[in-house]
Amino acid sequence: MNALSATVDAPTAELVRALVAGVLISYYRSKMLFDGVAEMPPMDIFETLEFNWGIVLKRYAEQICNEVEAV
């Protein structure tokens, strides 16, 4: 991230950091849906994680895009 940030302007570097953070945060939030689940077929886990990760990530991406457009 630091090497990439050094090659682009500050607003672009901040946008990239925000997008990467959004990917990681959305994955974590989706994964936390499985806390306390005793047993679940692996394919169901994958499909649920993928579906919820996409929903959460879409929200972060929309928020970041709205902030960029406002500037």
PDB file of N, CA and C in Angstrom:
ATOM      1  N   MET A   1       0.819  -1.194   0.000  1.00  0.00           N
ATOM      2  CA  MET A   1       0.000   0.000   0.000  1.00  0.00           C
ATOM      3  C   MET A   1       0.863   1.259   0.000  1.00  0.00           C
ATOM      4  N   ASN A   2       1.905   1.237   0.802  1.00  0.00           N
ATOM      5  CA  ASN A   2       2.755   2.430   0.858  1.00  0.00           C
ATOM      6  C   ASN A   2       3.442   2.686  -0.479  1.00  0.00           C
ATOM      7  N   ALA A   3       3.906   1.611  -1.134  1.00  0.00           N
ATOM      8  CA  ALA A   3       4.569   1.778  -2.424  1.00  0.00           C
ATOM      9  C   ALA A   3       3.582   2.319  -3.458  1.00  0.00           C
ATOM     10  N   LEU A   4       2.376   1.804  -3.460  1.00  0.00           N
ATOM     11  CA  LEU A   4       1.354   2.288  -4.384  1.00  0.00           C
ATOM     12  C   LEU A   4       1.009   3.742  -4.083  1.00  0.00           C
ATOM     13  N   SER A   5       0.855   4.058  -2.827  1.00  0.00           N
ATOM     14  CA  SER A   5       0.505   5.422  -2.422  1.00  0.00           C
ATOM     15  C   SER A   5       1.560   6.427  -2.861  1.00  0.00           C
ATOM     16  N   ALA A   6       2.805   6.000  -2.889  1.00  0.00           N
ATOM     17  CA  ALA A   6       3.883   6.910  -3.268  1.00  0.00           C
ATOM     18  C   ALA A   6       3.880   7.225  -4.761  1.00  0.00           C
ATOM     19  N   THR A   7       3.187   6.425  -5.560  1.00  0.00           N
ATOM     20  CA  THR A   7       3.200   6.621  -7.013  1.00  0.00           C
ATOM     21  C   THR A   7       2.001   7.398  -7.538  1.00  0.00           C
ATOM     22  N   VAL A   8       1.058   7.725  -6.671  1.00  0.00           N
ATOM     23  CA  VAL A   8      -0.148   8.432  -7.119  1.00  0.00           C
ATOM     24  C   VAL A   8      -0.374   9.674  -6.271  1.00  0.00           C
ATOM     25  N   ASP A   9      -1.298  10.514  -6.721  1.00  0.00           N
ATOM     26  CA  ASP A   9      -1.592  11.727  -5.952  1.00  0.00           C
ATOM     27  C   ASP A   9      -2.340  11.376  -4.665  1.00  0.00           C
ATOM     28  N   ALA A  10      -2.362  12.307  -3.740  1.00  0.00           N
ATOM     29  CA  ALA A  10      -2.944  12.078  -2.415  1.00  0.00           C
ATOM     30  C   ALA A  10      -4.414  11.663  -2.456  1.00  0.00           C
ATOM     31  N   PRO A  11      -5.286  12.314  -3.240  1.00  0.00           N
ATOM     32  CA  PRO A  11      -6.694  11.885  -3.261  1.00  0.00           C
ATOM     33  C   PRO A  11      -6.868  10.449  -3.779  1.00  0.00           C
ATOM     34  N   THR A  12      -6.072  10.075  -4.766  1.00  0.00           N
ATOM     35  CA  THR A  12      -6.164   8.711  -5.298  1.00  0.00           C
ATOM     36  C   THR A  12      -5.666   7.710  -4.274  1.00  0.00           C
ATOM     37  N   ALA A  13      -4.579   8.029  -3.599  1.00  0.00           N
ATOM     38  CA  ALA A  13      -4.043   7.142  -2.564  1.00  0.00           C
ATOM     39  C   ALA A  13      -5.068   6.937  -1.452  1.00  0.00           C
ATOM     40  N   GLU A  14      -5.730   8.014  -1.059  1.00  0.00           N
ATOM     41  CA  GLU A  14      -6.755   7.901  -0.009  1.00  0.00           C
ATOM     42  C   GLU A  14      -7.934   7.057  -0.476  1.00  0.00           C
ATOM     43  N   LEU A  15      -8.317   7.207  -1.728  1.00  0.00           N
ATOM     44  CA  LEU A  15      -9.412   6.406  -2.282  1.00  0.00           C
ATOM     45  C   LEU A  15      -9.049   4.922  -2.289  1.00  0.00           C
ATOM     46  N   VAL A  16      -7.840   4.608  -2.693  1.00  0.00           N
ATOM     47  CA  VAL A  16      -7.397   3.206  -2.704  1.00  0.00           C
ATOM     48  C   VAL A  16      -7.390   2.643  -1.288  1.00  0.00           C
ATOM     49  N   ARG A  17      -6.885   3.411  -0.335  1.00  0.00           N
ATOM     50  CA  ARG A  17      -6.892   2.947   1.066  1.00  0.00           C
ATOM     51  C   ARG A  17      -8.321   2.694   1.551  1.00  0.00           C
ATOM     52  N   ALA A  18      -9.233   3.596   1.225  1.00  0.00           N
ATOM     53  CA  ALA A  18     -10.625   3.452   1.657  1.00  0.00           C
ATOM     54  C   ALA A  18     -11.267   2.216   1.026  1.00  0.00           C
ATOM     55  N   LEU A  19     -10.981   1.966  -0.243  1.00  0.00           N
ATOM     56  CA  LEU A  19     -11.552   0.794  -0.913  1.00  0.00           C
ATOM     57  C   LEU A  19     -11.007  -0.510  -0.329  1.00  0.00           C
ATOM     58  N   VAL A  20      -9.710  -0.561  -0.080  1.00  0.00           N
ATOM     59  CA  VAL A  20      -9.116  -1.764   0.519  1.00  0.00           C
ATOM     60  C   VAL A  20      -9.672  -1.974   1.923  1.00  0.00           C
ATOM     61  N   ALA A  21      -9.779  -0.909   2.685  1.00  0.00           N
ATOM     62  CA  ALA A  21     -10.359  -1.018   4.027  1.00  0.00           C
ATOM     63  C   ALA A  21     -11.796  -1.514   3.945  1.00  0.00           C
ATOM     64  N   GLY A  22     -12.542  -1.033   2.963  1.00  0.00           N
ATOM     65  CA  GLY A  22     -13.922  -1.486   2.790  1.00  0.00           C
ATOM     66  C   GLY A  22     -14.014  -2.968   2.495  1.00  0.00           C
ATOM     67  N   VAL A  23     -13.107  -3.477   1.684  1.00  0.00           N
ATOM     68  CA  VAL A  23     -13.083  -4.915   1.376  1.00  0.00           C
ATOM     69  C   VAL A  23     -12.818  -5.712   2.644  1.00  0.00           C
ATOM     70  N   LEU A  24     -11.822  -5.306   3.409  1.00  0.00           N
ATOM     71  CA  LEU A  24     -11.468  -6.042   4.624  1.00  0.00           C
ATOM     72  C   LEU A  24     -12.558  -5.953   5.695  1.00  0.00           C
ATOM     73  N   ILE A  25     -13.103  -4.775   5.881  1.00  0.00           N
ATOM     74  CA  ILE A  25     -14.157  -4.597   6.888  1.00  0.00           C
ATOM     75  C   ILE A  25     -15.406  -5.381   6.501  1.00  0.00           C
ATOM     76  N   SER A  26     -15.783  -5.339   5.233  1.00  0.00           N
ATOM     77  CA  SER A  26     -16.989  -6.049   4.815  1.00  0.00           C
ATOM     78  C   SER A  26     -16.815  -7.561   4.948  1.00  0.00           C
ATOM     79  N   TYR A  27     -15.612  -8.062   4.678  1.00  0.00           N
ATOM     80  CA  TYR A  27     -15.355  -9.492   4.871  1.00  0.00           C
ATOM     81  C   TYR A  27     -15.506  -9.845   6.349  1.00  0.00           C
ATOM     82  N   TYR A  28     -14.896  -9.060   7.218  1.00  0.00           N
ATOM     83  CA  TYR A  28     -14.963  -9.316   8.654  1.00  0.00           C
ATOM     84  C   TYR A  28     -16.409  -9.284   9.156  1.00  0.00           C
ATOM     85  N   ARG A  29     -17.163  -8.275   8.736  1.00  0.00           N
ATOM     86  CA  ARG A  29     -18.554  -8.167   9.191  1.00  0.00           C
ATOM     87  C   ARG A  29     -19.383  -9.354   8.711  1.00  0.00           C
ATOM     88  N   SER A  30     -19.134  -9.818   7.494  1.00  0.00           N
ATOM     89  CA  SER A  30     -19.862 -10.974   6.975  1.00  0.00           C
ATOM     90  C   SER A  30     -19.470 -12.234   7.727  1.00  0.00           C
ATOM     91  N   LYS A  31     -18.188 -12.375   8.011  1.00  0.00           N
ATOM     92  CA  LYS A  31     -17.700 -13.549   8.732  1.00  0.00           C
ATOM     93  C   LYS A  31     -18.286 -13.609  10.138  1.00  0.00           C
ATOM     94  N   MET A  32     -18.480 -12.461  10.766  1.00  0.00           N
ATOM     95  CA  MET A  32     -19.008 -12.420  12.123  1.00  0.00           C
ATOM     96  C   MET A  32     -20.452 -12.929  12.206  1.00  0.00           C
ATOM     97  N   LEU A  33     -21.127 -13.017  11.075  1.00  0.00           N
ATOM     98  CA  LEU A  33     -22.487 -13.577  11.076  1.00  0.00           C
ATOM     99  C   LEU A  33     -22.495 -15.039  11.507  1.00  0.00           C
ATOM    100  N   PHE A  34     -21.343 -15.689  11.434  1.00  0.00           N
ATOM    101  CA  PHE A  34     -21.260 -17.112  11.763  1.00  0.00           C
ATOM    102  C   PHE A  34     -20.865 -17.372  13.208  1.00  0.00           C
ATOM    103  N   ASP A  35     -20.632 -16.338  13.998  1.00  0.00           N
ATOM    104  CA  ASP A  35     -20.323 -16.534  15.411  1.00  0.00           C
ATOM    105  C   ASP A  35     -21.478 -17.251  16.091  1.00  0.00           C
ATOM    106  N   GLY A  36     -21.173 -18.305  16.782  1.00  0.00           N
ATOM    107  CA  GLY A  36     -22.182 -19.054  17.505  1.00  0.00           C
ATOM    108  C   GLY A  36     -22.894 -20.115  16.681  1.00  0.00           C
ATOM    109  N   VAL A  37     -22.582 -20.218  15.392  1.00  0.00           N
ATOM    110  CA  VAL A  37     -23.185 -21.252  14.559  1.00  0.00           C
ATOM    111  C   VAL A  37     -22.445 -22.551  14.829  1.00  0.00           C
ATOM    112  N   ALA A  38     -23.172 -23.546  15.309  1.00  0.00           N
ATOM    113  CA  ALA A  38     -22.539 -24.806  15.693  1.00  0.00           C
ATOM    114  C   ALA A  38     -22.129 -25.639  14.484  1.00  0.00           C
ATOM    115  N   GLU A  39     -23.026 -25.786  13.519  1.00  0.00           N
ATOM    116  CA  GLU A  39     -22.722 -26.632  12.381  1.00  0.00           C
ATOM    117  C   GLU A  39     -23.489 -26.151  11.166  1.00  0.00           C
ATOM    118  N   MET A  40     -22.808 -26.156  10.028  1.00  0.00           N
ATOM    119  CA  MET A  40     -23.418 -25.696   8.791  1.00  0.00           C
ATOM    120  C   MET A  40     -22.644 -26.344   7.643  1.00  0.00           C
ATOM    121  N   PRO A  41     -23.334 -26.798   6.610  1.00  0.00           N
ATOM    122  CA  PRO A  41     -22.618 -27.384   5.467  1.00  0.00           C
ATOM    123  C   PRO A  41     -21.664 -26.355   4.848  1.00  0.00           C
ATOM    124  N   PRO A  42     -20.461 -26.790   4.444  1.00  0.00           N
ATOM    125  CA  PRO A  42     -19.470 -25.849   3.892  1.00  0.00           C
ATOM    126  C   PRO A  42     -19.991 -24.997   2.738  1.00  0.00           C
ATOM    127  N   MET A  43     -20.759 -25.566   1.838  1.00  0.00           N
ATOM    128  CA  MET A  43     -21.254 -24.791   0.698  1.00  0.00           C
ATOM    129  C   MET A  43     -22.210 -23.690   1.162  1.00  0.00           C
ATOM    130  N   ASP A  44     -23.011 -23.962   2.165  1.00  0.00           N
ATOM    131  CA  ASP A  44     -23.909 -22.940   2.712  1.00  0.00           C
ATOM    132  C   ASP A  44     -23.112 -21.800   3.345  1.00  0.00           C
ATOM    133  N   ILE A  45     -22.045 -22.154   4.035  1.00  0.00           N
ATOM    134  CA  ILE A  45     -21.189 -21.132   4.647  1.00  0.00           C
ATOM    135  C   ILE A  45     -20.617 -20.230   3.563  1.00  0.00           C
ATOM    136  N   PHE A  46     -20.057 -20.834   2.517  1.00  0.00           N
ATOM    137  CA  PHE A  46     -19.441 -20.064   1.446  1.00  0.00           C
ATOM    138  C   PHE A  46     -20.463 -19.157   0.771  1.00  0.00           C
ATOM    139  N   GLU A  47     -21.613 -19.686   0.422  1.00  0.00           N
ATOM    140  CA  GLU A  47     -22.633 -18.897  -0.269  1.00  0.00           C
ATOM    141  C   GLU A  47     -23.132 -17.747   0.603  1.00  0.00           C
ATOM    142  N   THR A  48     -23.348 -18.013   1.875  1.00  0.00           N
ATOM    143  CA  THR A  48     -23.819 -16.971   2.788  1.00  0.00           C
ATOM    144  C   THR A  48     -22.758 -15.889   2.965  1.00  0.00           C
ATOM    145  N   LEU A  49     -21.509 -16.309   3.161  1.00  0.00           N
ATOM    146  CA  LEU A  49     -20.415 -15.353   3.322  1.00  0.00           C
ATOM    147  C   LEU A  49     -20.264 -14.498   2.074  1.00  0.00           C
ATOM    148  N   GLU A  50     -20.275 -15.128   0.919  1.00  0.00           N
ATOM    149  CA  GLU A  50     -20.112 -14.403  -0.343  1.00  0.00           C
ATOM    150  C   GLU A  50     -21.250 -13.407  -0.565  1.00  0.00           C
ATOM    151  N   PHE A  51     -22.474 -13.841  -0.312  1.00  0.00           N
ATOM    152  CA  PHE A  51     -23.641 -12.985  -0.510  1.00  0.00           C
ATOM    153  C   PHE A  51     -23.582 -11.771   0.415  1.00  0.00           C
ATOM    154  N   ASN A  52     -23.366 -12.014   1.696  1.00  0.00           N
ATOM    155  CA  ASN A  52     -23.357 -10.916   2.672  1.00  0.00           C
ATOM    156  C   ASN A  52     -22.154 -10.008   2.486  1.00  0.00           C
ATOM    157  N   TRP A  53     -21.017 -10.566   2.119  1.00  0.00           N
ATOM    158  CA  TRP A  53     -19.824  -9.769   1.873  1.00  0.00           C
ATOM    159  C   TRP A  53     -20.099  -8.780   0.737  1.00  0.00           C
ATOM    160  N   GLY A  54     -20.756  -9.254  -0.305  1.00  0.00           N
ATOM    161  CA  GLY A  54     -21.086  -8.386  -1.430  1.00  0.00           C
ATOM    162  C   GLY A  54     -22.023  -7.261  -1.047  1.00  0.00           C
ATOM    163  N   ILE A  55     -23.008  -7.561  -0.236  1.00  0.00           N
ATOM    164  CA  ILE A  55     -23.959  -6.530   0.203  1.00  0.00           C
ATOM    165  C   ILE A  55     -23.259  -5.457   1.025  1.00  0.00           C
ATOM    166  N   VAL A  56     -22.461  -5.882   1.987  1.00  0.00           N
ATOM    167  CA  VAL A  56     -21.773  -4.926   2.850  1.00  0.00           C
ATOM    168  C   VAL A  56     -20.765  -4.116   2.040  1.00  0.00           C
ATOM    169  N   LEU A  57     -20.017  -4.783   1.155  1.00  0.00           N
ATOM    170  CA  LEU A  57     -19.025  -4.086   0.341  1.00  0.00           C
ATOM    171  C   LEU A  57     -19.682  -3.061  -0.577  1.00  0.00           C
ATOM    172  N   LYS A  58     -20.848  -3.397  -1.108  1.00  0.00           N
ATOM    173  CA  LYS A  58     -21.561  -2.456  -1.973  1.00  0.00           C
ATOM    174  C   LYS A  58     -21.885  -1.171  -1.211  1.00  0.00           C
ATOM    175  N   ARG A  59     -22.285  -1.314   0.036  1.00  0.00           N
ATOM    176  CA  ARG A  59     -22.588  -0.127   0.854  1.00  0.00           C
ATOM    177  C   ARG A  59     -21.352   0.743   1.049  1.00  0.00           C
ATOM    178  N   TYR A  60     -20.221   0.101   1.368  1.00  0.00           N
ATOM    179  CA  TYR A  60     -18.984   0.861   1.540  1.00  0.00           C
ATOM    180  C   TYR A  60     -18.580   1.546   0.231  1.00  0.00           C
ATOM    181  N   ALA A  61     -18.659   0.821  -0.872  1.00  0.00           N
ATOM    182  CA  ALA A  61     -18.265   1.380  -2.172  1.00  0.00           C
ATOM    183  C   ALA A  61     -19.157   2.560  -2.543  1.00  0.00           C
ATOM    184  N   GLU A  62     -20.458   2.448  -2.312  1.00  0.00           N
ATOM    185  CA  GLU A  62     -21.370   3.554  -2.605  1.00  0.00           C
ATOM    186  C   GLU A  62     -21.050   4.772  -1.741  1.00  0.00           C
ATOM    187  N   GLN A  63     -20.765   4.531  -0.476  1.00  0.00           N
ATOM    188  CA  GLN A  63     -20.432   5.634   0.433  1.00  0.00           C
ATOM    189  C   GLN A  63     -19.156   6.329  -0.024  1.00  0.00           C
ATOM    190  N   ILE A  64     -18.141   5.551  -0.390  1.00  0.00           N
ATOM    191  CA  ILE A  64     -16.875   6.122  -0.828  1.00  0.00           C
ATOM    192  C   ILE A  64     -17.078   6.902  -2.136  1.00  0.00           C
ATOM    193  N   CYS A  65     -17.834   6.344  -3.071  1.00  0.00           N
ATOM    194  CA  CYS A  65     -18.098   7.041  -4.343  1.00  0.00           C
ATOM    195  C   CYS A  65     -18.856   8.341  -4.119  1.00  0.00           C
ATOM    196  N   ASN A  66     -19.831   8.332  -3.214  1.00  0.00           N
ATOM    197  CA  ASN A  66     -20.575   9.544  -2.899  1.00  0.00           C
ATOM    198  C   ASN A  66     -19.671  10.618  -2.308  1.00  0.00           C
ATOM    199  N   GLU A  67     -18.740  10.200  -1.457  1.00  0.00           N
ATOM    200  CA  GLU A  67     -17.813  11.159  -0.861  1.00  0.00           C
ATOM    201  C   GLU A  67     -16.889  11.749  -1.908  1.00  0.00           C
ATOM    202  N   VAL A  68     -16.445  10.921  -2.849  1.00  0.00           N
ATOM    203  CA  VAL A  68     -15.560  11.391  -3.924  1.00  0.00           C
ATOM    204  C   VAL A  68     -16.304  12.359  -4.830  1.00  0.00           C
ATOM    205  N   GLU A  69     -17.537  12.058  -5.164  1.00  0.00           N
ATOM    206  CA  GLU A  69     -18.341  12.937  -6.033  1.00  0.00           C
ATOM    207  C   GLU A  69     -18.628  14.269  -5.356  1.00  0.00           C
ATOM    208  N   ALA A  70     -18.740  14.263  -4.037  1.00  0.00           N
ATOM    209  CA  ALA A  70     -19.042  15.493  -3.302  1.00  0.00           C
ATOM    210  C   ALA A  70     -17.861  16.459  -3.281  1.00  0.00           C
ATOM    211  N   VAL A  71     -16.669  15.936  -3.494  1.00  0.00           N
ATOM    212  CA  VAL A  71     -15.463  16.778  -3.444  1.00  0.00           C
ATOM    213  C   VAL A  71     -15.223  17.481  -4.717  1.00  0.00           C
TER     214      VAL A  71
END
